[in-house]
Amino acid sequence: MSDVLGWATAAGVLLLGPVLLVIGMMHTFSRKPVEEKYENSAAGGLGGAFDAVWSPSAHEAGQERDRQTQRTAPAPSPGDPPSRIDRGRIVIDI
């Protein structure tokens, strides 16, 4: 019985690498846009800390990307008419 358990454990350990490789490749080469692929990533803060130390240019690029995606809508001038009124709400088109 211990022989079977030993062989099963060895087979499981040897198959773990290729299975993780295939899963990683499926995630990497999926057709999802990058914005959707990493929007709920929990490891972003940890990776950002390593980028800041070992790859400062990647860290700065990530900060700039965050700045550009979190821009606020420009405020209209006081004399300008609203862009669009949709069901009683003023919608500002960017």
C-alpha atoms as a PDB file:
ATOM      1  CA  MET A   1       0.000   0.000   0.000  1.00  0.00           C
ATOM      2  CA  SER A   2       2.817   2.425   0.792  1.00  0.00           C
ATOM      3  CA  ASP A   3       4.284   1.745  -2.659  1.00  0.00           C
ATOM      4  CA  VAL A   4       1.084   2.902  -4.344  1.00  0.00           C
ATOM      5  CA  LEU A   5       0.843   5.973  -2.133  1.00  0.00           C
ATOM      6  CA  GLY A   6       4.483   6.853  -2.852  1.00  0.00           C
ATOM      7  CA  TRP A   7       4.027   6.520  -6.620  1.00  0.00           C
ATOM      8  CA  ALA A   8       0.799   8.541  -6.495  1.00  0.00           C
ATOM      9  CA  THR A   9       2.535  11.296  -4.536  1.00  0.00           C
ATOM     10  CA  ALA A  10       5.457  11.367  -6.985  1.00  0.00           C
ATOM     11  CA  ALA A  11       3.086  11.469  -9.969  1.00  0.00           C
ATOM     12  CA  GLY A  12       1.083  14.283  -8.357  1.00  0.00           C
ATOM     13  CA  VAL A  13       4.195  16.340  -7.708  1.00  0.00           C
ATOM     14  CA  LEU A  14       5.459  15.797 -11.267  1.00  0.00           C
ATOM     15  CA  LEU A  15       2.095  16.703 -12.810  1.00  0.00           C
ATOM     16  CA  LEU A  16       1.658  19.832 -10.712  1.00  0.00           C
ATOM     17  CA  GLY A  17       4.223  21.834 -12.711  1.00  0.00           C
ATOM     18  CA  PRO A  18       2.739  21.223 -16.191  1.00  0.00           C
ATOM     19  CA  VAL A  19      -0.802  21.816 -14.907  1.00  0.00           C
ATOM     20  CA  LEU A  20       0.193  25.170 -13.386  1.00  0.00           C
ATOM     21  CA  LEU A  21       2.061  26.056 -16.585  1.00  0.00           C
ATOM     22  CA  VAL A  22      -1.013  25.383 -18.731  1.00  0.00           C
ATOM     23  CA  ILE A  23      -3.248  27.394 -16.380  1.00  0.00           C
ATOM     24  CA  GLY A  24      -0.775  30.287 -16.431  1.00  0.00           C
ATOM     25  CA  MET A  25      -0.569  30.221 -20.226  1.00  0.00           C
ATOM     26  CA  MET A  26      -4.361  30.191 -20.496  1.00  0.00           C
ATOM     27  CA  HIS A  27      -4.514  33.252 -18.254  1.00  0.00           C
ATOM     28  CA  THR A  28      -1.691  35.055 -20.046  1.00  0.00           C
ATOM     29  CA  PHE A  29      -2.887  34.436 -23.578  1.00  0.00           C
ATOM     30  CA  SER A  30      -6.600  34.864 -22.967  1.00  0.00           C
ATOM     31  CA  ARG A  31      -8.405  37.344 -25.180  1.00  0.00           C
ATOM     32  CA  LYS A  32      -9.514  39.551 -22.293  1.00  0.00           C
ATOM     33  CA  PRO A  33      -8.334  43.156 -22.381  1.00  0.00           C
ATOM     34  CA  VAL A  34      -5.548  43.959 -19.927  1.00  0.00           C
ATOM     35  CA  GLU A  35      -7.797  46.310 -17.969  1.00  0.00           C
ATOM     36  CA  GLU A  36     -10.258  43.495 -17.209  1.00  0.00           C
ATOM     37  CA  LYS A  37      -7.603  40.853 -16.643  1.00  0.00           C
ATOM     38  CA  TYR A  38      -5.912  42.595 -13.738  1.00  0.00           C
ATOM     39  CA  GLU A  39      -8.654  44.796 -12.278  1.00  0.00           C
ATOM     40  CA  ASN A  40      -9.339  42.475  -9.320  1.00  0.00           C
ATOM     41  CA  SER A  41      -5.767  41.381  -8.710  1.00  0.00           C
ATOM     42  CA  ALA A  42      -4.991  41.085  -5.011  1.00  0.00           C
ATOM     43  CA  ALA A  43      -1.223  40.889  -5.521  1.00  0.00           C
ATOM     44  CA  GLY A  44      -0.914  44.306  -7.173  1.00  0.00           C
ATOM     45  CA  GLY A  45       0.319  46.036  -4.033  1.00  0.00           C
ATOM     46  CA  LEU A  46       2.962  43.406  -3.359  1.00  0.00           C
ATOM     47  CA  GLY A  47       4.201  43.490  -6.963  1.00  0.00           C
ATOM     48  CA  GLY A  48       4.240  47.282  -6.891  1.00  0.00           C
ATOM     49  CA  ALA A  49       6.599  47.265  -3.909  1.00  0.00           C
ATOM     50  CA  PHE A  50       9.047  44.980  -5.735  1.00  0.00           C
ATOM     51  CA  ASP A  51       8.753  47.096  -8.899  1.00  0.00           C
ATOM     52  CA  ALA A  52       9.614  50.228  -6.933  1.00  0.00           C
ATOM     53  CA  VAL A  53      12.850  48.647  -5.700  1.00  0.00           C
ATOM     54  CA  TRP A  54      14.102  46.537  -8.608  1.00  0.00           C
ATOM     55  CA  SER A  55      12.416  48.163 -11.609  1.00  0.00           C
ATOM     56  CA  PRO A  56      11.740  51.837 -10.925  1.00  0.00           C
ATOM     57  CA  SER A  57      10.788  52.592 -14.534  1.00  0.00           C
ATOM     58  CA  ALA A  58       8.030  49.936 -14.420  1.00  0.00           C
ATOM     59  CA  HIS A  59       6.818  51.374 -11.118  1.00  0.00           C
ATOM     60  CA  GLU A  60       6.707  54.891 -12.556  1.00  0.00           C
ATOM     61  CA  ALA A  61       4.859  53.617 -15.628  1.00  0.00           C
ATOM     62  CA  GLY A  62       2.291  51.945 -13.366  1.00  0.00           C
ATOM     63  CA  GLN A  63       1.809  55.161 -11.416  1.00  0.00           C
ATOM     64  CA  GLU A  64       1.310  57.130 -14.630  1.00  0.00           C
ATOM     65  CA  ARG A  65      -1.198  54.549 -15.897  1.00  0.00           C
ATOM     66  CA  ASP A  66      -3.126  54.859 -12.635  1.00  0.00           C
ATOM     67  CA  ARG A  67      -3.076  58.666 -12.874  1.00  0.00           C
ATOM     68  CA  GLN A  68      -4.436  58.593 -16.418  1.00  0.00           C
ATOM     69  CA  THR A  69      -7.207  56.121 -15.691  1.00  0.00           C
ATOM     70  CA  GLN A  70      -8.434  58.016 -12.625  1.00  0.00           C
ATOM     71  CA  ARG A  71      -8.791  61.428 -14.246  1.00  0.00           C
ATOM     72  CA  THR A  72     -11.797  63.501 -13.314  1.00  0.00           C
ATOM     73  CA  ALA A  73     -14.185  64.987 -15.830  1.00  0.00           C
ATOM     74  CA  PRO A  74     -13.423  68.590 -16.740  1.00  0.00           C
ATOM     75  CA  ALA A  75     -15.789  71.123 -15.232  1.00  0.00           C
ATOM     76  CA  PRO A  76     -17.835  73.081 -17.765  1.00  0.00           C
ATOM     77  CA  SER A  77     -17.441  76.840 -18.039  1.00  0.00           C
ATOM     78  CA  PRO A  78     -20.223  78.881 -16.425  1.00  0.00           C
ATOM     79  CA  GLY A  79     -21.587  80.163 -19.755  1.00  0.00           C
ATOM     80  CA  ASP A  80     -21.542  76.828 -21.600  1.00  0.00           C
ATOM     81  CA  PRO A  81     -24.791  74.910 -22.018  1.00  0.00           C
ATOM     82  CA  PRO A  82     -24.859  71.377 -20.636  1.00  0.00           C
ATOM     83  CA  SER A  83     -23.547  68.729 -22.985  1.00  0.00           C
ATOM     84  CA  ARG A  84     -26.620  66.535 -22.888  1.00  0.00           C
ATOM     85  CA  ILE A  85     -29.711  66.145 -20.748  1.00  0.00           C
ATOM     86  CA  ASP A  86     -30.756  62.530 -20.260  1.00  0.00           C
ATOM     87  CA  ARG A  87     -34.031  61.953 -18.331  1.00  0.00           C
ATOM     88  CA  GLY A  88     -33.583  65.136 -16.327  1.00  0.00           C
ATOM     89  CA  ARG A  89     -29.888  64.520 -15.562  1.00  0.00           C
ATOM     90  CA  ILE A  90     -27.069  66.582 -17.042  1.00  0.00           C
ATOM     91  CA  VAL A  91     -24.444  64.328 -18.656  1.00  0.00           C
ATOM     92  CA  ILE A  92     -20.966  65.716 -19.338  1.00  0.00           C
ATOM     93  CA  ASP A  93     -19.307  64.027 -22.296  1.00  0.00           C
ATOM     94  CA  ILE A  94     -15.563  63.693 -22.038  1.00  0.00           C
END
